[in-house]
C-alpha atoms as a PDB file:
ATOM      1  CA  MET A   1     -78.476 199.927  90.715  1.00  0.00           C
ATOM      2  CA  GLN A   2     -76.930 198.197  87.079  1.00  0.00           C
ATOM      3  CA  GLU A   3     -74.392 195.734  87.061  1.00  0.00           C
ATOM      4  CA  LYS A   4     -72.672 192.878  84.346  1.00  0.00           C
ATOM      5  CA  LEU A   5     -72.781 189.601  84.634  1.00  0.00           C
ATOM      6  CA  VAL A   6     -69.604 188.012  82.645  1.00  0.00           C
ATOM      7  CA  CYS A   7     -69.576 184.550  81.974  1.00  0.00           C
ATOM      8  CA  TYR A   8     -66.094 183.487  80.648  1.00  0.00           C
ATOM      9  CA  GLU A   9     -64.961 180.055  79.086  1.00  0.00           C
ATOM     10  CA  LEU A  10     -60.852 179.514  79.042  1.00  0.00           C
ATOM     11  CA  LYS A  11     -59.840 176.583  77.013  1.00  0.00           C
ATOM     12  CA  ALA A  12     -56.490 176.658  77.928  1.00  0.00           C
ATOM     13  CA  LYS A  13     -53.855 174.424  79.685  1.00  0.00           C
ATOM     14  CA  PRO A  14     -53.870 174.396  83.181  1.00  0.00           C
ATOM     15  CA  THR A  15     -50.939 176.471  83.924  1.00  0.00           C
ATOM     16  CA  ARG A  16     -52.487 179.387  82.131  1.00  0.00           C
ATOM     17  CA  ARG A  17     -55.947 179.059  83.636  1.00  0.00           C
ATOM     18  CA  THR A  18     -54.110 178.829  86.864  1.00  0.00           C
ATOM     19  CA  MET A  19     -52.504 182.347  86.157  1.00  0.00           C
ATOM     20  CA  LEU A  20     -55.426 183.753  85.298  1.00  0.00           C
ATOM     21  CA  HIS A  21     -57.156 182.725  88.508  1.00  0.00           C
ATOM     22  CA  LYS A  22     -54.330 184.549  90.386  1.00  0.00           C
ATOM     23  CA  LYS A  23     -54.462 187.456  88.340  1.00  0.00           C
ATOM     24  CA  LEU A  24     -58.410 187.302  89.330  1.00  0.00           C
ATOM     25  CA  TYR A  25     -59.056 186.384  92.558  1.00  0.00           C
ATOM     26  CA  GLY A  26     -55.293 187.190  94.190  1.00  0.00           C
ATOM     27  CA  TYR A  27     -53.387 184.362  96.295  1.00  0.00           C
ATOM     28  CA  GLN A  28     -51.209 184.162  99.108  1.00  0.00           C
ATOM     29  CA  ASP A  29     -47.528 184.373  98.467  1.00  0.00           C
ATOM     30  CA  PHE A  30     -44.367 183.016 100.482  1.00  0.00           C
ATOM     31  CA  SER A  31     -41.311 184.003 100.925  1.00  0.00           C
ATOM     32  CA  ASN A  32     -38.330 182.814 102.880  1.00  0.00           C
ATOM     33  CA  HIS A  33     -39.470 179.091 103.204  1.00  0.00           C
ATOM     34  CA  GLY A  34     -43.006 180.109 104.300  1.00  0.00           C
ATOM     35  CA  ARG A  35     -41.561 182.590 107.354  1.00  0.00           C
ATOM     36  CA  TYR A  36     -43.609 185.560 105.734  1.00  0.00           C
ATOM     37  CA  LYS A  37     -46.852 185.489 104.016  1.00  0.00           C
ATOM     38  CA  TYR A  38     -48.203 188.471 101.430  1.00  0.00           C
ATOM     39  CA  LYS A  39     -51.810 188.409 100.633  1.00  0.00           C
ATOM     40  CA  ARG A  40     -51.909 189.601  96.629  1.00  0.00           C
ATOM     41  CA  GLU A  41     -55.022 190.855  95.894  1.00  0.00           C
ATOM     42  CA  GLY A  42     -56.441 190.080  92.866  1.00  0.00           C
ATOM     43  CA  LEU A  43     -58.413 192.627  90.015  1.00  0.00           C
ATOM     44  CA  LEU A  44     -61.594 191.062  91.319  1.00  0.00           C
ATOM     45  CA  LYS A  45     -61.485 192.859  94.928  1.00  0.00           C
ATOM     46  CA  MET A  46     -59.655 195.934  93.522  1.00  0.00           C
ATOM     47  CA  ILE A  47     -63.181 196.385  91.497  1.00  0.00           C
ATOM     48  CA  ASP A  48     -64.993 195.423  93.914  1.00  0.00           C
ATOM     49  CA  GLY A  49     -66.693 192.664  91.923  1.00  0.00           C
ATOM     50  CA  LYS A  50     -67.849 189.158  93.290  1.00  0.00           C
ATOM     51  CA  ARG A  51     -67.502 185.547  91.811  1.00  0.00           C
ATOM     52  CA  VAL A  52     -71.238 183.766  91.544  1.00  0.00           C
ATOM     53  CA  THR A  53     -69.752 181.101  90.139  1.00  0.00           C
ATOM     54  CA  ASP A  54     -67.469 179.273  88.360  1.00  0.00           C
ATOM     55  CA  GLY A  55     -66.412 181.324  85.305  1.00  0.00           C
ATOM     56  CA  VAL A  56     -69.441 183.954  86.031  1.00  0.00           C
ATOM     57  CA  LEU A  57     -68.469 186.964  87.571  1.00  0.00           C
ATOM     58  CA  LEU A  58     -70.855 189.816  88.954  1.00  0.00           C
ATOM     59  CA  VAL A  59     -68.980 193.197  88.456  1.00  0.00           C
ATOM     60  CA  ALA A  60     -70.170 197.017  88.259  1.00  0.00           C
ATOM     61  CA  GLU A  61     -70.832 198.303  84.832  1.00  0.00           C
ATOM     62  CA  GLU A  62     -68.015 200.703  85.215  1.00  0.00           C
ATOM     63  CA  GLN A  63     -65.738 198.994  85.860  1.00  0.00           C
ATOM     64  CA  VAL A  64     -66.640 195.777  83.106  1.00  0.00           C
ATOM     65  CA  LYS A  65     -63.896 197.262  80.808  1.00  0.00           C
ATOM     66  CA  LYS A  66     -60.987 196.143  83.140  1.00  0.00           C
ATOM     67  CA  LEU A  67     -61.635 192.914  83.499  1.00  0.00           C
ATOM     68  CA  LEU A  68     -62.721 192.719  79.907  1.00  0.00           C
ATOM     69  CA  THR A  69     -59.464 193.545  78.813  1.00  0.00           C
ATOM     70  CA  LEU A  70     -57.431 190.963  81.404  1.00  0.00           C
ATOM     71  CA  LEU A  71     -59.159 188.173  79.784  1.00  0.00           C
ATOM     72  CA  LYS A  72     -59.015 188.913  76.210  1.00  0.00           C
ATOM     73  CA  LYS A  73     -55.014 189.125  77.623  1.00  0.00           C
ATOM     74  CA  PHE A  74     -55.938 185.189  78.024  1.00  0.00           C
ATOM     75  CA  LYS A  75     -58.030 185.019  75.561  1.00  0.00           C
ATOM     76  CA  ALA A  76     -61.180 183.389  76.924  1.00  0.00           C
ATOM     77  CA  LYS A  77     -64.347 183.262  75.813  1.00  0.00           C
ATOM     78  CA  THR A  78     -67.034 186.136  76.974  1.00  0.00           C
ATOM     79  CA  TYR A  79     -70.566 186.458  77.581  1.00  0.00           C
ATOM     80  CA  ILE A  80     -71.880 189.879  79.434  1.00  0.00           C
ATOM     81  CA  PHE A  81     -75.639 190.344  80.574  1.00  0.00           C
ATOM     82  CA  THR A  82     -76.845 193.155  82.588  1.00  0.00           C
ATOM     83  CA  VAL A  83     -78.252 193.138  85.643  1.00  0.00           C
ATOM     84  CA  VAL A  84     -80.483 195.004  88.065  1.00  0.00           C
ATOM     85  CA  THR A  85     -79.764 194.736  91.498  1.00  0.00           C
ATOM     86  CA  LYS A  86     -81.278 195.876  94.634  1.00  0.00           C
ATOM     87  CA  THR A  87     -78.539 198.597  96.696  1.00  0.00           C
ATOM     88  CA  LYS A  88     -78.619 197.825 100.395  1.00  0.00           C
ATOM     89  CA  ASP A  89     -79.760 200.920 102.594  1.00  0.00           C
END
């Protein structure tokens, strides 16, 4: 199975970086002074991607376009590598 290793570098203000991370990884939302909690899923969960380390993501080859669209929106510098992985039986 071929997957893509996407490395990104974002030189932006911390608030802009936090916005990207919320869209990528999701976040927990609170309403009514913490009485209700909502889990907002990020793009990585929707496309079944994995976070390897800071700024490095492993994504299926078919889903790379969605990820690159989001990273391009935030003007992140990206590097893409093809990786061959074993499937679990």
